[in-house]
Every structure is written in structure tokens, then in C-alpha cells.
Protein backbone atom coordinates (compact mmCIF):
# COMPACT_ATOMS: atom_id res chain seq x y z
CA MET A 1 21.76 -4.28 -47.48
CA ALA A 2 18.99 -1.51 -47.23
CA ILE A 3 15.58 -2.82 -45.71
CA THR A 4 12.55 -1.72 -47.95
CA VAL A 5 8.91 -2.11 -48.03
CA GLU A 6 9.38 -4.61 -50.86
CA THR A 7 11.87 -6.65 -48.85
CA ILE A 8 9.26 -6.67 -45.96
CA ASN A 9 6.40 -7.80 -48.55
CA GLN A 10 8.39 -10.54 -50.10
CA ALA A 11 9.01 -11.93 -46.42
CA LEU A 12 5.32 -11.74 -45.52
CA SER A 13 4.55 -13.53 -48.77
CA THR A 14 6.15 -16.83 -47.36
CA VAL A 15 3.48 -16.73 -44.47
CA ILE A 16 0.66 -19.25 -45.30
CA ASP A 17 -2.64 -19.11 -43.55
CA PRO A 18 -3.05 -22.53 -42.28
CA GLU A 19 -6.68 -22.79 -43.07
CA LEU A 20 -6.78 -21.17 -46.40
CA ARG A 21 -3.46 -22.51 -47.26
CA LEU A 22 -2.52 -19.22 -49.27
CA PRO A 23 -0.13 -16.49 -48.43
CA ILE A 24 -1.40 -13.67 -46.28
CA THR A 25 -0.26 -11.18 -48.82
CA GLU A 26 -2.69 -12.83 -51.50
CA LEU A 27 -5.47 -12.87 -48.95
CA ASP A 28 -5.31 -9.10 -48.53
CA MET A 29 -4.46 -9.75 -44.94
CA VAL A 30 -1.49 -7.31 -45.05
CA ASP A 31 -2.96 -3.83 -44.07
CA SER A 32 0.06 -1.70 -44.21
CA VAL A 33 4.03 -1.96 -44.16
CA SER A 34 6.41 0.98 -43.56
CA VAL A 35 10.10 0.99 -42.85
CA THR A 36 11.78 3.75 -40.97
CA ASP A 37 15.47 4.20 -40.06
CA THR A 38 14.88 2.40 -36.82
CA SER A 39 11.67 0.12 -37.17
CA VAL A 40 9.79 -1.96 -39.50
CA ASN A 41 6.00 -1.39 -39.02
CA VAL A 42 3.49 -3.84 -40.12
CA SER A 43 -0.28 -4.30 -39.64
CA VAL A 44 -1.82 -7.64 -40.30
CA LEU A 45 -5.72 -8.09 -40.23
CA LEU A 46 -7.17 -11.48 -39.28
CA THR A 47 -10.26 -12.84 -41.32
CA ILE A 48 -12.67 -12.91 -38.19
CA VAL A 49 -12.68 -12.17 -34.43
CA GLY A 50 -11.38 -15.24 -32.53
CA CYS A 51 -9.62 -16.73 -35.75
CA PRO A 52 -8.28 -19.97 -34.47
CA ALA A 53 -5.21 -19.68 -36.66
CA ALA A 54 -4.39 -16.33 -35.08
CA ALA A 55 -1.54 -17.42 -32.79
CA ALA A 56 0.04 -19.52 -35.72
CA ILE A 57 -0.28 -16.52 -38.05
CA GLU A 58 1.22 -14.06 -35.70
CA ARG A 59 4.28 -16.35 -34.88
CA ASP A 60 4.95 -17.12 -38.52
CA VAL A 61 4.87 -13.10 -39.21
CA ARG A 62 7.19 -12.58 -36.28
CA GLU A 63 9.60 -15.10 -37.77
CA ALA A 64 9.38 -13.76 -41.38
CA LEU A 65 9.85 -10.12 -40.07
CA ALA A 66 12.96 -11.19 -37.78
CA SER A 67 14.60 -12.73 -40.90
CA ALA A 68 14.18 -9.77 -43.21
CA SER A 69 14.18 -6.73 -40.79
CA GLY A 70 17.97 -6.55 -40.53
CA GLY A 71 17.86 -5.94 -36.89
CA LEU A 72 15.54 -3.14 -37.04
CA ASP A 73 12.94 -2.99 -34.34
CA ILE A 74 9.85 -5.04 -35.24
CA ARG A 75 6.44 -3.29 -34.58
CA LEU A 76 3.49 -5.54 -35.42
CA SER A 77 -0.21 -5.04 -34.82
CA MET A 78 -2.74 -7.69 -35.20
CA GLY A 79 -6.25 -6.78 -36.07
CA VAL A 80 -9.51 -7.90 -37.81
CA MET A 81 -10.77 -7.32 -41.26
CA SER A 82 -13.84 -4.91 -41.73
CA PRO A 83 -17.14 -6.66 -43.02
CA LYS A 84 -16.66 -5.05 -46.39
CA ARG A 85 -12.97 -6.29 -46.54
CA ARG A 86 -13.85 -9.80 -45.65
CA GLU A 87 -16.79 -9.62 -48.30
CA GLY A 88 -14.02 -8.66 -50.85
CA LEU A 89 -11.89 -11.64 -49.56
CA ILE A 90 -14.74 -14.03 -49.97
CA THR A 91 -15.56 -12.87 -53.51
CA LYS A 92 -12.04 -13.00 -54.43
CA LEU A 93 -11.77 -16.78 -53.21
CA ARG A 94 -15.10 -17.83 -54.93
CA SER A 95 -14.16 -15.98 -58.08
CA ARG A 96 -10.89 -17.88 -58.63
CA SER A 97 -11.86 -19.84 -61.65
CA HIS A 98 -10.35 -23.18 -60.69
CA THR A 99 -12.09 -22.84 -57.23
CA ASN A 100 -15.53 -21.69 -58.76
CA ARG A 101 -15.58 -24.93 -61.05
CA ALA A 102 -14.02 -27.11 -58.57
CA PHE A 103 -16.45 -29.94 -58.51
CA THR A 104 -18.02 -29.58 -61.86
CA PRO A 105 -17.50 -31.90 -64.91
CA ASP A 106 -14.79 -29.58 -66.60
CA SER A 107 -12.73 -29.14 -63.41
CA LEU A 108 -9.51 -30.79 -62.73
CA THR A 109 -10.85 -32.25 -59.43
CA ARG A 110 -11.62 -35.95 -59.35
CA VAL A 111 -14.53 -36.66 -57.41
CA VAL A 112 -14.51 -40.35 -55.96
CA ALA A 113 -17.40 -41.63 -53.91
CA ILE A 114 -16.97 -44.52 -51.68
CA THR A 115 -20.14 -46.59 -51.37
CA SER A 116 -21.37 -50.07 -50.02
CA GLY A 117 -24.59 -52.06 -50.15
CA LYS A 118 -24.81 -52.55 -46.30
CA GLY A 119 -23.21 -51.03 -43.30
CA GLY A 120 -20.33 -52.49 -41.33
CA VAL A 121 -18.13 -53.43 -44.11
CA GLY A 122 -15.45 -50.69 -43.05
CA LYS A 123 -16.32 -48.31 -45.78
CA SER A 124 -15.32 -45.10 -43.86
CA SER A 125 -11.86 -46.82 -42.71
CA ILE A 126 -11.07 -47.48 -46.33
CA THR A 127 -12.17 -43.83 -47.48
CA VAL A 128 -9.94 -42.38 -44.92
CA ASN A 129 -6.87 -44.73 -45.57
CA LEU A 130 -7.29 -44.40 -49.29
CA ALA A 131 -7.65 -40.75 -49.14
CA ALA A 132 -4.45 -40.27 -46.88
CA ALA A 133 -2.40 -42.55 -48.84
CA ILE A 134 -3.13 -40.38 -52.02
CA ALA A 135 -2.39 -37.23 -49.82
CA LYS A 136 0.89 -38.76 -48.86
CA ARG A 137 1.87 -38.93 -52.51
CA GLY A 138 1.61 -35.09 -52.57
CA PHE A 139 -1.82 -34.76 -54.01
CA ARG A 140 -4.33 -32.07 -52.49
CA VAL A 141 -7.26 -34.08 -51.04
CA GLY A 142 -10.49 -33.40 -49.49
CA VAL A 143 -12.97 -35.70 -47.74
CA ILE A 144 -16.82 -35.09 -47.21
CA ASP A 145 -18.28 -37.41 -44.83
CA ALA A 146 -21.77 -37.60 -46.42
CA ASP A 147 -22.92 -40.56 -44.30
CA VAL A 148 -25.10 -37.91 -42.13
CA PHE A 149 -26.69 -40.47 -40.01
CA GLY A 150 -23.75 -42.59 -39.32
CA PHE A 151 -20.84 -40.03 -39.55
CA SER A 152 -17.42 -41.49 -38.41
CA ILE A 153 -14.79 -39.48 -40.39
CA PRO A 154 -13.89 -36.96 -37.80
CA GLY A 155 -13.01 -39.74 -35.25
CA LEU A 156 -11.07 -41.70 -37.53
CA VAL A 157 -8.68 -38.74 -38.28
CA GLY A 158 -8.69 -37.17 -34.67
CA LEU A 159 -11.14 -34.38 -35.44
CA GLU A 160 -13.92 -35.17 -32.93
CA GLU A 161 -13.43 -31.76 -31.19
CA ALA A 162 -12.87 -29.85 -34.38
CA THR A 163 -15.28 -26.97 -35.46
CA PRO A 164 -14.88 -25.49 -39.04
CA THR A 165 -14.14 -22.02 -38.95
CA ARG A 166 -16.58 -19.72 -40.89
CA ILE A 167 -15.87 -16.44 -42.65
CA ASP A 168 -19.45 -15.13 -42.90
CA SER A 169 -21.26 -17.59 -45.01
CA MET A 170 -17.84 -19.52 -46.14
CA ILE A 171 -16.92 -22.86 -44.33
CA LEU A 172 -13.22 -23.47 -43.81
CA PRO A 173 -12.84 -27.57 -43.58
CA PRO A 174 -10.40 -28.52 -40.79
CA ILE A 175 -7.18 -30.29 -41.86
CA ALA A 176 -5.80 -33.43 -40.57
CA PHE A 177 -3.12 -35.49 -42.32
CA ASP A 178 -2.86 -33.15 -45.10
CA MET A 179 -6.56 -33.68 -45.83
CA LYS A 180 -9.48 -30.97 -45.78
CA ILE A 181 -12.30 -32.83 -43.78
CA LEU A 182 -15.97 -32.06 -43.48
CA SER A 183 -18.54 -33.94 -41.71
CA ILE A 184 -22.19 -33.11 -40.49
CA GLY A 185 -20.75 -34.42 -36.95
CA MET A 186 -18.59 -31.16 -36.75
CA PHE A 187 -21.88 -29.15 -36.59
CA LEU A 188 -23.69 -31.29 -34.02
CA GLU A 189 -23.60 -31.15 -30.30
CA THR A 190 -22.02 -34.32 -28.60
CA ASP A 191 -24.19 -37.22 -28.70
CA GLN A 192 -26.68 -35.51 -30.88
CA ALA A 193 -28.46 -37.86 -33.37
CA VAL A 194 -29.71 -36.69 -36.82
CA ALA A 195 -33.24 -37.20 -37.91
CA TRP A 196 -33.61 -35.73 -41.38
CA ARG A 197 -35.63 -36.47 -44.42
CA GLY A 198 -34.63 -36.37 -48.04
CA PRO A 199 -34.86 -32.67 -48.88
CA LEU A 200 -32.77 -31.59 -45.83
CA LEU A 201 -30.22 -34.31 -46.56
CA HIS A 202 -29.77 -32.96 -50.16
CA ARG A 203 -29.54 -29.30 -48.90
CA THR A 204 -26.73 -30.33 -46.63
CA LEU A 205 -24.71 -32.07 -49.04
CA GLU A 206 -25.37 -29.15 -51.59
CA GLN A 207 -23.86 -26.74 -48.81
CA PHE A 208 -20.94 -28.67 -48.21
CA LEU A 209 -20.03 -28.53 -51.83
CA THR A 210 -20.87 -24.98 -52.59
CA GLU A 211 -20.42 -22.94 -49.24
CA ALA A 212 -17.17 -25.02 -48.18
CA TYR A 213 -13.89 -23.54 -49.34
CA PHE A 214 -11.67 -26.61 -50.24
CA GLY A 215 -9.19 -24.55 -52.44
CA ASP A 216 -7.77 -26.51 -55.38
CA LEU A 217 -8.16 -30.15 -55.04
CA ASP A 218 -6.63 -32.99 -56.96
CA PHE A 219 -9.07 -35.39 -55.36
CA LEU A 220 -12.38 -34.93 -53.27
CA PHE A 221 -13.51 -38.24 -51.70
CA LEU A 222 -17.10 -38.65 -50.48
CA ASP A 223 -17.76 -41.42 -47.81
CA LEU A 224 -21.43 -42.37 -48.59
CA PRO A 225 -24.20 -43.83 -46.58
CA PRO A 226 -24.68 -47.76 -47.11
CA GLY A 227 -27.32 -48.64 -49.66
CA THR A 228 -29.30 -46.67 -52.41
CA GLY A 229 -31.11 -43.82 -50.49
CA ASP A 230 -31.33 -40.16 -50.55
CA ILE A 231 -27.81 -39.24 -50.27
CA ALA A 232 -26.76 -41.67 -53.19
CA ILE A 233 -29.53 -40.09 -55.35
CA SER A 234 -28.28 -36.52 -54.50
CA VAL A 235 -24.68 -37.43 -55.20
CA GLY A 236 -25.79 -38.49 -58.70
CA GLN A 237 -27.86 -35.37 -59.13
CA LEU A 238 -25.07 -33.06 -57.73
CA LEU A 239 -21.94 -35.01 -59.02
CA PRO A 240 -23.06 -36.84 -62.00
CA HIS A 241 -19.25 -37.09 -62.97
CA ALA A 242 -18.16 -38.61 -59.87
CA GLU A 243 -16.42 -42.01 -60.01
CA ILE A 244 -17.67 -44.78 -57.70
CA LEU A 245 -15.81 -47.37 -55.51
CA VAL A 246 -17.91 -49.98 -54.20
CA VAL A 247 -16.79 -51.70 -50.77
CA THR A 248 -17.81 -55.31 -49.61
CA THR A 249 -16.59 -58.07 -47.40
CA PRO A 250 -16.01 -61.49 -48.82
CA GLN A 251 -19.19 -62.47 -47.28
CA LYS A 252 -21.96 -63.74 -49.89
CA SER A 253 -24.73 -61.85 -48.16
CA ALA A 254 -22.60 -58.55 -48.29
CA ALA A 255 -21.52 -59.02 -51.88
CA ASP A 256 -25.08 -60.00 -52.97
CA VAL A 257 -26.21 -56.43 -52.13
CA ALA A 258 -22.99 -54.33 -52.77
CA TRP A 259 -23.44 -54.52 -56.57
CA ARG A 260 -26.67 -52.53 -56.07
CA SER A 261 -25.01 -49.35 -55.05
CA GLY A 262 -22.81 -49.36 -58.04
CA ASP A 263 -25.62 -50.10 -60.20
CA VAL A 264 -27.71 -47.06 -58.88
CA ALA A 265 -24.70 -44.85 -59.59
CA ARG A 266 -24.48 -45.94 -62.90
CA GLN A 267 -28.20 -45.03 -63.59
CA THR A 268 -27.26 -41.46 -62.75
CA GLY A 269 -24.34 -41.51 -65.21
CA GLN A 270 -21.53 -42.19 -62.81
CA LYS A 271 -18.54 -44.40 -63.47
CA VAL A 272 -17.88 -47.47 -61.21
CA LEU A 273 -14.12 -47.83 -60.88
CA GLY A 274 -14.15 -51.09 -59.42
CA VAL A 275 -14.55 -53.08 -56.05
CA ILE A 276 -12.60 -53.30 -52.91
CA GLU A 277 -12.97 -56.20 -50.81
CA ASN A 278 -12.29 -55.32 -47.06
CA MET A 279 -11.95 -58.07 -44.14
CA SER A 280 -10.48 -60.35 -46.61
CA PRO A 281 -8.95 -63.74 -45.68
CA THR A 282 -5.48 -63.30 -43.83
CA THR A 283 -2.76 -65.60 -42.34
CA LEU A 284 -2.11 -65.58 -38.68
CA ALA A 285 1.27 -65.52 -37.19
CA ASP A 286 1.73 -69.16 -37.07
CA GLY A 287 0.71 -69.47 -40.66
CA THR A 288 -2.89 -70.53 -40.12
CA PRO A 289 -5.31 -68.99 -42.57
CA LEU A 290 -8.00 -67.10 -41.23
CA ASP A 291 -11.35 -66.45 -43.30
CA VAL A 292 -13.75 -65.05 -40.81
CA PHE A 293 -16.01 -63.59 -43.60
CA GLY A 294 -15.31 -66.40 -46.27
CA CYS A 295 -14.01 -65.44 -49.42
CA GLY A 296 -14.85 -64.55 -53.01
CA GLY A 297 -17.42 -62.00 -52.36
CA GLY A 298 -15.42 -59.01 -53.74
CA GLN A 299 -14.81 -60.76 -57.01
CA GLY A 300 -18.47 -61.79 -57.46
CA ALA A 301 -19.67 -58.30 -56.91
CA ALA A 302 -16.98 -57.01 -59.58
CA SER A 303 -17.94 -59.56 -61.94
CA ARG A 304 -21.57 -58.74 -61.64
CA LEU A 305 -20.86 -55.09 -62.21
CA GLY A 306 -18.30 -55.83 -64.93
CA VAL A 307 -15.36 -53.91 -63.14
CA PRO A 308 -12.27 -55.10 -61.69
CA LEU A 309 -11.71 -56.20 -58.12
CA MET A 310 -9.22 -53.31 -57.25
CA GLY A 311 -8.06 -55.00 -53.99
CA SER A 312 -8.39 -57.32 -51.07
CA VAL A 313 -7.72 -55.52 -47.83
CA PRO A 314 -7.02 -58.41 -45.03
CA LEU A 315 -8.73 -58.51 -42.01
CA ALA A 316 -6.24 -56.66 -39.47
CA SER A 317 -6.93 -55.69 -35.82
CA GLU A 318 -4.22 -52.83 -36.46
CA LEU A 319 -6.68 -51.22 -39.02
CA ARG A 320 -9.40 -50.89 -36.15
CA ILE A 321 -6.70 -49.73 -33.64
CA ALA A 322 -5.47 -47.09 -35.87
CA GLY A 323 -9.11 -45.87 -36.44
CA ASP A 324 -9.67 -45.83 -32.92
CA ALA A 325 -6.79 -43.69 -32.25
CA GLY A 326 -7.61 -41.13 -34.86
CA VAL A 327 -4.58 -41.95 -37.24
CA PRO A 328 -4.89 -43.58 -40.54
CA LEU A 329 -2.99 -46.92 -40.78
CA VAL A 330 -1.18 -45.97 -44.01
CA VAL A 331 0.12 -43.07 -41.75
CA SER A 332 1.01 -44.90 -38.61
CA ASP A 333 2.01 -48.47 -39.86
CA PRO A 334 2.53 -48.12 -43.61
CA SER A 335 4.39 -51.42 -43.73
CA SER A 336 1.32 -53.43 -42.29
CA PRO A 337 -0.18 -55.73 -45.01
CA ALA A 338 -3.62 -53.86 -44.84
CA ALA A 339 -1.78 -50.66 -45.24
CA GLN A 340 0.30 -52.02 -48.09
CA GLU A 341 -2.79 -53.18 -49.92
CA ILE A 342 -4.63 -49.95 -49.58
CA ALA A 343 -1.58 -47.94 -50.85
CA ARG A 344 -1.57 -50.41 -53.75
CA VAL A 345 -5.29 -49.48 -54.59
CA ALA A 346 -4.49 -45.91 -53.94
CA ASP A 347 -1.95 -46.19 -56.92
CA THR A 348 -4.44 -47.77 -59.00
CA VAL A 349 -7.08 -45.06 -58.32
CA VAL A 350 -4.80 -42.28 -59.00
CA LEU A 351 -3.69 -43.92 -62.50
CA GLY A 352 -7.32 -44.99 -63.23
CA GLY A 353 -8.85 -41.74 -63.97
CA GLU A 354 -9.89 -40.38 -67.30
CA SER A 355 -7.48 -38.49 -69.39
CA LEU A 356 -7.02 -34.86 -68.90
CA ALA A 357 -5.94 -34.20 -72.51
CA GLY A 358 -8.24 -31.54 -74.01
CA LYS A 359 -9.40 -29.93 -70.82
CA ASN A 360 -8.72 -26.42 -70.52
CA LEU A 361 -6.25 -25.57 -67.57
CA PRO A 362 -7.62 -23.11 -64.97
CA LEU A 363 -5.16 -20.60 -65.29
CA GLY A 364 -7.34 -17.18 -65.07
């Protein structure tokens, strides 16, 4: 079979940029293709100098060319886009109708914010595992760590050393376990603390929502700081259509304040999906019941908010161990009781959103 330019372009269309998650042919990264009697000549342009995905892209391009070149000599050159070409790419990505409207009320992305009345209830662990469980079901998932002062999401998914790639003003969130992750911790020096007031907190969240390129998401999860402070108010202003999940422990003192975070969300027009009780009573290997934090707090908070108790995740050391290892428990040990309960909650979340009937599909 004759090797043509069309043959080579078709092969190159199977090469996916690992950060943008689109074929390099759609990203205008293929600069030129020519075929002679003896060789296949291809020029590929990376988005930026020092692109962290450069080695992976070159490897995948060579593999694609090897399978389509019919034994002809492969001559591949790797370069970098000019500023004008890069600007055109950014405009193209931002102008995609389904990306441009990604987190607006009329988009098909469901925004789910995880909140709590106080810290230390395992909110971030629940966020990561819930998001990972939904990603495992084939949904496209993003996570924003909006807990600016107490960010922990990068460590829970093994991205402590990750730095988001920047294409000029556009931020590309790092990927872990098929989730696109963004956290203020990725922009700080090691052991650097954050001491910001309301306006800067609001601006940071706004930048994450507008300058980061998440692509087409089915779900965007936000890990909110505990309480009802500036970030919670900003989320209400920027994402009034967000759905809220309240996390508490069974302890009465935790449940007594947990409902307030849900109540504040309602005041800004957001919908409270339900309550998740973490660190619930469990049973030891010898059959002894263990209720370190008591019982009933989750149901109490849910009743006060008038929403369902969506799940009770048992107290489990493996949840902590998995988090310390940077691997969500639903990935590392999906058969554990805690992982199974989180997976059940994930199914409830997936089925619990508003109907998409009547929404215009983002086809243009």
C-alpha cells in the first residue's frame, strides 16, 4: 500500500497530548508532513520550551510513524511553537463552546463542593476518594483544592512535587488517577505558609476556574476549607449552581456545626445533596464494636438540613495509610469496607444530579 501524507496524518491523529488530552493534529502541533520514495518527514512543534510531556510525545509520535511508514526512513524533527502559533492554540482551546462554558449553570459539568463545619473530619480524604471512585467509572473528573490555608490534595494523590505547566497565561492541571488536580500548594515553595485575606483568596479561586484548562469535565470537585468563611462565600458567588456535600464525624460537637456550612451554601442558592458521615463506628477483627467518635452525628446534621445521610464511612486506618502513600483507597484497596462505602456514595452522587433534559448539548 502506498504511503501518503494522509496516511501519516491519520497515524499522527492517534497521538494524544498527555496534558491537554487531545490529538496533536487537533492542537496544531504537526507543522509539516511530507513523503518521498525513501522517507517520511515530519515536523512536530511542542507548546512551550521545556514541555514536561516532550519525551512522551516524541516517543508516541515515533511509534505512530513506525506503524504507518511501511519501512520508509523516518525523519522526525521536534521544535517549539512560535508565540503567535501558541496564542492561536490558546484562543482555539478557550473558544471551544463546551470548554468556554465549562463551569457556568448551562454547562454539562456538575460542580460538587465538599464542605464541613470544622477541620479534622477527613473532608479532603473523602473528596479525593469520591472523585477517584467516579473517575474509575469512566467519567472525566477534575479536583480543585480550594482549602488555601490547609491544602492537602496534592499529597493525597502523590503530586507533592508536581508543578502545573503554563502555556502563556493558561494553566494545565497535573493528572493523577485520571483526575485533573489543581491546588495552591502547587505554586508555593516547600513549607511556605499562606497568609492571605479575602480579596486575594477570591482572586485565586477565580483564576483556578478561568485560567486553568480542564478541558471537558463531567464532574468538578472542590475541596473547601472548613467553616463558612471567605472561600465558601466566593464559591457561592462564582458557582451558585454548585452542589454541596457536607462531611462530619459522628461526634455531636462536629455535627452541631456541620449543618452551618450547608446552610450558608443554601443562602447563596446552592443545592445541598446530603451529608457524609466519616469515621463512623466500625467492627474490629474479633467482632468488638468500636465507636471512637460516638454515633448519630451524621444523621443529626442531615435531619437538621432536611437532606439524606448519603453514607457512613467506617473509621479505618487503611484510609489514612492510603492517603499518606498518595493513592486513593478506592484505587489501592477497593474491597475494603471504607472504600466500598465511598464507592456506594459515588454511585448515589452520579445518579443524584439534576436531569440534563432540555439543556443544549455543547456541539459547536
